[in-house]
Amino acid sequence: MKNNIPEEEYRLWKTINLWPSFTKQLIKNPLLDILQKGQPHIRFQVARDALGLPIKHPLVNIINLTLHYQKKYKKILNDEIKYTISDSAMQNELNFIFLMEKLHCLVSFGGYKNMKGINELIIDVMDFQKPDGRFPGLYHHHAKMCGLLVRLGLQGNRLLDRSFNWIIERQRNDGGWLHRSMVLKGKTIKTQKSCIWTSVEILYALSMRRSIVKSKSVEKGIKFLEKQLFNKNSTKFLEHLSPWDYFSVGSKSETLFTGGSLKVLEILVNYGLTRKDKIVDRLASGILQTQLETGYFPFQKSKAPKPDPYVTVRFLKILRLLSQK
């Protein structure tokens, strides 16, 4: 297993069971291969997410201490965002999106609020927040930033909760969300159904907030998703990406909001649904069928699937959580 794993970390990995019971349903367990090929942030995700080791576990802790030394992480952190000085709303929105893309990449590489440079970026984010809690952009931009801030360690922050409350207040009667700019020609805000993928991004963020995940708003949103499962979207958002089958979450433009049926499954499991719930079983079974002979799961369900370690670890986490319920 060793490959490029540091000696002290390697000794700790040798004490870990890499064949937990939930892996029995796989055609092949990919954990060993992921560890051998993975960079520190991938090994960190395997330990924390796929295997569920606590953050204070010696193995998780020793990997965590190395994350900010990764070359890619340092490059992303040191790359300057070229903000414009224009006061226009459109330019302000673009500046916000550039910052969001940077934070997303840092989070993907293990970024957290106490790491060098992160707190300064969080302060930059909060400078974009309006007094009522709103962030620039459309609803999915707002939700994405809320989710990133939770993952950065701001769970329970009162300013962030203000942003959560702002988006909750815009939930529609059908349980979803629809931004006015997405209303199609010939439709009105009252006659058009809510946007599936805007709603998914919002519910994904809400499901990460411990005090909100069991709320009536999330319950209503999940009922909306159940009715829209595998349906074509009511808007053009993500329509060219086969959104239900696009499991990966990218780092630029619209791919920041992908995740497909895997992201929907993550919402349902965060909410507390189990394999006994038909929607969960249907989604989990469908993703299991996409597993490759290598043991990995693909970034996208297709005729020529490509293995994706990030998607694989995310799904293994779901299988672990479902096995505990």
Protein backbone atom coordinates (compact mmCIF):
# COMPACT_ATOMS: atom_id res chain seq x y z
CA MET A 1 0.00 0.00 0.00
CA LYS A 2 2.84 2.39 0.82
CA ASN A 3 3.80 4.03 -2.49
CA ASN A 4 4.21 7.76 -1.67
CA ILE A 5 2.56 7.65 1.77
CA PRO A 6 4.85 9.04 4.53
CA GLU A 7 6.20 6.40 6.89
CA GLU A 8 4.37 7.55 10.04
CA GLU A 9 1.06 7.83 8.19
CA TYR A 10 1.66 4.43 6.57
CA ARG A 11 2.09 2.77 9.96
CA LEU A 12 -1.27 4.19 11.07
CA TRP A 13 -3.00 3.03 7.89
CA LYS A 14 -1.81 -0.52 8.64
CA THR A 15 -3.96 -0.46 11.81
CA ILE A 16 -7.13 0.48 9.89
CA ASN A 17 -9.69 -1.97 8.53
CA LEU A 18 -9.96 -1.23 4.81
CA TRP A 19 -12.64 -3.89 4.33
CA PRO A 20 -15.61 -2.56 6.33
CA SER A 21 -18.88 -4.46 5.98
CA PHE A 22 -20.51 -1.92 3.63
CA THR A 23 -17.90 -2.72 0.95
CA LYS A 24 -19.30 -6.26 0.56
CA GLN A 25 -21.96 -4.95 -1.81
CA LEU A 26 -19.28 -3.70 -4.23
CA ILE A 27 -17.96 -5.73 -7.15
CA LYS A 28 -14.49 -4.64 -6.00
CA ASN A 29 -13.27 -2.62 -3.03
CA PRO A 30 -11.33 0.39 -4.43
CA LEU A 31 -10.02 1.78 -1.12
CA LEU A 32 -6.51 0.31 -1.34
CA ASP A 33 -6.02 1.57 -4.89
CA ILE A 34 -7.32 5.04 -3.99
CA LEU A 35 -4.89 5.26 -1.08
CA GLN A 36 -1.93 4.12 -3.17
CA LYS A 37 -2.61 6.67 -5.90
CA GLY A 38 -4.23 9.46 -3.89
CA GLN A 39 -2.76 12.75 -2.79
CA PRO A 40 -3.03 13.71 0.91
CA HIS A 41 -6.44 15.37 0.51
CA ILE A 42 -7.83 12.20 -1.07
CA ARG A 43 -6.43 10.04 1.73
CA PHE A 44 -7.91 12.52 4.21
CA GLN A 45 -11.34 12.10 2.59
CA VAL A 46 -11.01 8.32 2.67
CA ALA A 47 -10.21 8.37 6.39
CA ARG A 48 -12.77 10.97 7.43
CA ASP A 49 -15.62 10.37 4.99
CA ALA A 50 -15.44 6.86 3.53
CA LEU A 51 -14.29 5.22 6.78
CA GLY A 52 -15.89 7.71 9.19
CA LEU A 53 -12.86 8.18 11.45
CA PRO A 54 -13.26 11.13 13.87
CA ILE A 55 -11.29 14.30 13.23
CA LYS A 56 -9.26 13.66 16.42
CA HIS A 57 -8.20 10.19 15.28
CA PRO A 58 -4.37 10.06 15.01
CA LEU A 59 -4.53 9.09 11.32
CA VAL A 60 -6.95 11.86 10.37
CA ASN A 61 -4.97 14.35 12.40
CA ILE A 62 -1.59 13.48 10.87
CA ILE A 63 -2.94 13.79 7.31
CA ASN A 64 -4.75 17.01 8.20
CA LEU A 65 -1.47 18.60 9.23
CA THR A 66 -0.04 18.05 5.75
CA LEU A 67 -2.92 19.40 3.65
CA HIS A 68 -1.73 23.00 3.43
CA TYR A 69 1.68 21.81 2.15
CA GLN A 70 0.21 20.33 -1.04
CA LYS A 71 1.61 22.09 -4.11
CA LYS A 72 -1.80 22.41 -5.77
CA TYR A 73 -3.35 23.76 -2.57
CA LYS A 74 -0.61 26.39 -2.18
CA LYS A 75 -0.93 27.39 -5.83
CA ILE A 76 -4.70 27.87 -5.53
CA LEU A 77 -4.30 29.83 -2.31
CA ASN A 78 -1.60 32.09 -3.74
CA ASP A 79 -3.31 32.73 -7.07
CA GLU A 80 -4.69 36.25 -6.90
CA ILE A 81 -8.28 36.91 -7.84
CA LYS A 82 -8.28 39.80 -10.30
CA TYR A 83 -11.18 41.77 -8.91
CA THR A 84 -12.50 44.63 -10.98
CA ILE A 85 -13.19 48.00 -9.44
CA SER A 86 -16.44 48.52 -11.32
CA ASP A 87 -19.46 49.21 -9.13
CA SER A 88 -21.90 47.55 -11.50
CA ALA A 89 -24.06 44.74 -10.10
CA MET A 90 -22.94 42.39 -12.89
CA GLN A 91 -19.27 42.93 -12.16
CA ASN A 92 -19.85 42.51 -8.44
CA GLU A 93 -21.52 39.19 -9.20
CA LEU A 94 -18.56 38.05 -11.33
CA ASN A 95 -16.12 38.97 -8.56
CA PHE A 96 -18.20 36.90 -6.15
CA ILE A 97 -18.20 33.91 -8.50
CA PHE A 98 -14.41 34.10 -8.95
CA LEU A 99 -14.05 34.00 -5.16
CA MET A 100 -16.53 31.11 -4.94
CA GLU A 101 -14.54 29.09 -7.49
CA LYS A 102 -11.36 29.62 -5.51
CA LEU A 103 -12.98 28.58 -2.23
CA HIS A 104 -14.50 25.51 -3.85
CA CYS A 105 -11.06 24.37 -5.03
CA LEU A 106 -9.53 25.00 -1.61
CA VAL A 107 -12.30 23.05 0.12
CA SER A 108 -11.75 20.19 -2.34
CA PHE A 109 -8.10 20.09 -1.28
CA GLY A 110 -8.98 20.07 2.43
CA GLY A 111 -9.22 23.80 3.13
CA TYR A 112 -10.64 24.75 6.55
CA LYS A 113 -11.15 27.99 8.43
CA ASN A 114 -8.07 27.67 10.66
CA MET A 115 -5.65 27.08 7.78
CA LYS A 116 -3.39 29.84 6.50
CA GLY A 117 -5.16 32.35 4.27
CA ILE A 118 -8.65 30.86 4.64
CA ASN A 119 -9.98 33.27 7.26
CA GLU A 120 -9.01 36.21 5.06
CA LEU A 121 -11.01 34.72 2.19
CA ILE A 122 -14.00 34.15 4.48
CA ILE A 123 -13.87 37.82 5.44
CA ASP A 124 -13.83 38.69 1.73
CA VAL A 125 -16.96 36.54 1.25
CA MET A 126 -18.81 38.28 4.06
CA ASP A 127 -18.05 41.65 2.49
CA PHE A 128 -20.33 40.57 -0.37
CA GLN A 129 -23.22 39.74 1.98
CA LYS A 130 -26.15 42.16 2.11
CA PRO A 131 -27.68 43.12 5.49
CA ASP A 132 -30.59 40.72 4.85
CA GLY A 133 -28.18 37.83 4.26
CA ARG A 134 -28.24 37.73 0.47
CA PHE A 135 -25.14 36.94 -1.58
CA PRO A 136 -24.72 38.13 -5.19
CA GLY A 137 -25.86 36.11 -8.17
CA LEU A 138 -28.75 33.71 -8.64
CA TYR A 139 -30.17 31.40 -5.99
CA HIS A 140 -27.76 28.57 -6.82
CA HIS A 141 -24.76 30.90 -6.39
CA HIS A 142 -26.11 31.96 -2.99
CA ALA A 143 -26.65 28.34 -1.93
CA LYS A 144 -23.25 27.19 -3.17
CA MET A 145 -21.51 29.77 -1.03
CA CYS A 146 -23.60 28.82 2.00
CA GLY A 147 -22.56 25.19 1.55
CA LEU A 148 -18.90 26.10 1.13
CA LEU A 149 -18.92 28.17 4.31
CA VAL A 150 -20.39 25.25 6.27
CA ARG A 151 -17.69 22.96 4.90
CA LEU A 152 -15.08 25.56 5.88
CA GLY A 153 -16.23 25.28 9.49
CA LEU A 154 -18.77 28.07 9.91
CA GLN A 155 -21.55 25.78 11.16
CA GLY A 156 -23.68 27.91 13.52
CA ASN A 157 -22.28 31.29 12.45
CA ARG A 158 -25.07 33.85 12.87
CA LEU A 159 -24.22 35.74 9.68
CA LEU A 160 -24.30 32.51 7.70
CA ASP A 161 -27.62 31.55 9.30
CA ARG A 162 -28.96 34.88 8.07
CA SER A 163 -28.11 33.73 4.54
CA PHE A 164 -29.77 30.37 5.12
CA ASN A 165 -32.93 32.08 6.36
CA TRP A 166 -32.94 34.40 3.34
CA ILE A 167 -33.03 31.51 0.87
CA ILE A 168 -35.55 29.51 2.93
CA GLU A 169 -37.94 32.45 2.73
CA ARG A 170 -37.90 32.14 -1.06
CA GLN A 171 -39.13 28.55 -1.17
CA ARG A 172 -42.18 28.15 -3.37
CA ASN A 173 -45.46 26.33 -2.75
CA ASP A 174 -44.31 23.28 -4.76
CA GLY A 175 -41.35 22.86 -2.38
CA GLY A 176 -38.67 24.03 -4.79
CA TRP A 177 -37.04 27.27 -5.84
CA LEU A 178 -37.10 29.26 -9.08
CA HIS A 179 -35.18 32.45 -9.81
CA ARG A 180 -37.07 34.97 -11.94
CA SER A 181 -34.26 35.09 -14.48
CA MET A 182 -34.88 31.40 -15.27
CA VAL A 183 -38.53 31.76 -16.26
CA LEU A 184 -38.92 30.52 -19.83
CA LYS A 185 -40.51 32.47 -22.66
CA GLY A 186 -44.27 32.01 -22.58
CA LYS A 187 -44.25 31.18 -18.86
CA THR A 188 -44.62 33.31 -15.75
CA ILE A 189 -43.13 32.98 -12.28
CA LYS A 190 -46.54 31.65 -11.17
CA THR A 191 -47.08 29.08 -13.92
CA GLN A 192 -43.58 27.60 -14.23
CA LYS A 193 -42.48 24.72 -12.01
CA SER A 194 -39.49 25.22 -9.75
CA CYS A 195 -36.03 24.49 -11.13
CA ILE A 196 -34.86 21.03 -10.08
CA TRP A 197 -31.13 21.81 -9.99
CA THR A 198 -31.49 25.19 -8.29
CA SER A 199 -33.56 23.38 -5.65
CA VAL A 200 -30.98 20.59 -5.33
CA GLU A 201 -28.15 23.06 -4.71
CA ILE A 202 -30.20 24.87 -2.07
CA LEU A 203 -31.33 21.68 -0.34
CA TYR A 204 -27.75 20.34 -0.42
CA ALA A 205 -26.59 23.39 1.53
CA LEU A 206 -29.57 23.28 3.91
CA SER A 207 -28.99 19.58 4.58
CA MET A 208 -25.48 20.35 5.86
CA ARG A 209 -26.80 22.78 8.50
CA ARG A 210 -27.55 20.68 11.57
CA SER A 211 -30.25 22.96 13.00
CA ILE A 212 -32.05 23.20 9.63
CA VAL A 213 -31.77 19.72 8.10
CA LYS A 214 -34.89 18.44 9.94
CA SER A 215 -36.91 21.59 9.22
CA LYS A 216 -40.28 21.75 7.47
CA SER A 217 -38.56 23.57 4.61
CA VAL A 218 -36.17 20.67 3.91
CA GLU A 219 -39.01 18.15 4.31
CA LYS A 220 -41.08 20.09 1.78
CA GLY A 221 -38.09 20.30 -0.56
CA ILE A 222 -37.52 16.54 -0.41
CA LYS A 223 -41.15 15.93 -1.36
CA PHE A 224 -40.54 18.17 -4.36
CA LEU A 225 -37.49 16.09 -5.35
CA GLU A 226 -39.43 12.84 -4.98
CA LYS A 227 -42.02 14.11 -7.46
CA GLN A 228 -39.34 15.33 -9.89
CA LEU A 229 -37.02 12.30 -9.73
CA PHE A 230 -35.31 11.82 -13.11
CA ASN A 231 -37.64 14.36 -14.74
CA LYS A 232 -36.50 16.89 -17.29
CA ASN A 233 -35.90 20.26 -15.70
CA SER A 234 -38.36 23.13 -16.00
CA THR A 235 -35.48 25.52 -16.85
CA LYS A 236 -32.41 25.35 -19.09
CA PHE A 237 -30.04 25.19 -16.12
CA LEU A 238 -27.52 22.33 -16.68
CA GLU A 239 -29.65 20.90 -19.52
CA HIS A 240 -26.62 20.22 -21.77
CA LEU A 241 -24.79 18.20 -19.08
CA SER A 242 -27.21 15.25 -18.66
CA PRO A 243 -27.58 16.49 -15.09
CA TRP A 244 -29.03 13.37 -13.42
CA ASP A 245 -26.06 11.30 -14.63
CA TYR A 246 -23.31 13.86 -13.92
CA PHE A 247 -22.07 12.69 -10.49
CA SER A 248 -18.94 14.84 -10.31
CA VAL A 249 -18.84 18.41 -9.03
CA GLY A 250 -16.54 20.55 -11.14
CA SER A 251 -14.55 23.67 -10.29
CA LYS A 252 -15.71 26.12 -12.95
CA SER A 253 -18.93 27.69 -14.25
CA GLU A 254 -21.99 25.41 -14.32
CA THR A 255 -20.08 22.29 -13.25
CA LEU A 256 -19.86 23.84 -9.77
CA PHE A 257 -23.54 22.88 -9.45
CA THR A 258 -23.48 19.36 -10.86
CA GLY A 259 -23.54 16.20 -8.78
CA GLY A 260 -26.62 14.58 -10.25
CA SER A 261 -28.45 11.74 -8.56
CA LEU A 262 -25.51 11.30 -6.18
CA LYS A 263 -26.00 14.82 -4.81
CA VAL A 264 -29.74 14.16 -4.44
CA LEU A 265 -28.90 10.94 -2.56
CA GLU A 266 -26.56 12.89 -0.26
CA ILE A 267 -29.40 15.28 0.59
CA LEU A 268 -31.76 12.41 1.41
CA VAL A 269 -29.23 10.64 3.61
CA ASN A 270 -28.31 13.88 5.39
CA TYR A 271 -32.03 14.33 6.10
CA GLY A 272 -32.17 10.87 7.66
CA LEU A 273 -33.83 8.66 5.06
CA THR A 274 -32.65 5.03 4.83
CA ARG A 275 -32.45 2.20 2.32
CA LYS A 276 -36.00 1.30 3.39
CA ASP A 277 -37.19 4.47 1.65
CA LYS A 278 -37.92 3.70 -1.99
CA ILE A 279 -36.30 6.85 -3.35
CA VAL A 280 -33.06 6.14 -1.48
CA ASP A 281 -32.96 2.50 -2.56
CA ARG A 282 -33.66 3.44 -6.16
CA LEU A 283 -30.88 6.03 -6.26
CA ALA A 284 -28.32 3.94 -4.39
CA SER A 285 -29.04 0.85 -6.49
CA GLY A 286 -28.76 2.88 -9.69
CA ILE A 287 -25.37 4.30 -8.74
CA LEU A 288 -24.11 0.87 -7.63
CA GLN A 289 -24.81 -0.38 -11.15
CA THR A 290 -22.37 2.20 -12.55
CA GLN A 291 -19.37 0.80 -10.65
CA LEU A 292 -16.43 0.01 -12.91
CA GLU A 293 -14.35 -3.18 -12.88
CA THR A 294 -11.57 -1.21 -11.18
CA GLY A 295 -13.85 -0.59 -8.22
CA TYR A 296 -14.15 3.11 -8.92
CA PHE A 297 -17.34 4.96 -9.73
CA PRO A 298 -17.42 7.25 -12.79
CA PHE A 299 -17.56 11.02 -12.86
CA GLN A 300 -20.51 10.61 -15.23
CA LYS A 301 -22.73 7.72 -16.25
CA SER A 302 -21.98 7.21 -19.93
CA LYS A 303 -21.05 4.66 -22.59
CA ALA A 304 -17.37 5.38 -21.96
CA PRO A 305 -17.22 6.05 -18.19
CA LYS A 306 -14.08 7.45 -16.59
CA PRO A 307 -13.15 6.59 -12.99
CA ASP A 308 -13.35 9.41 -10.45
CA PRO A 309 -11.82 9.00 -6.96
CA TYR A 310 -13.81 11.97 -5.59
CA VAL A 311 -17.14 10.53 -6.73
CA THR A 312 -16.06 7.12 -5.42
CA VAL A 313 -15.27 8.43 -1.93
CA ARG A 314 -18.52 10.41 -1.81
CA PHE A 315 -20.56 7.33 -2.66
CA LEU A 316 -18.63 5.11 -0.22
CA LYS A 317 -19.49 7.61 2.51
CA ILE A 318 -23.17 7.25 1.61
CA LEU A 319 -22.94 3.44 1.71
CA ARG A 320 -21.28 3.65 5.13
CA LEU A 321 -23.96 5.97 6.52
CA LEU A 322 -26.77 3.83 5.11
CA SER A 323 -25.21 0.71 6.65
CA GLN A 324 -25.45 2.36 10.07
CA LYS A 325 -29.19 3.06 9.84
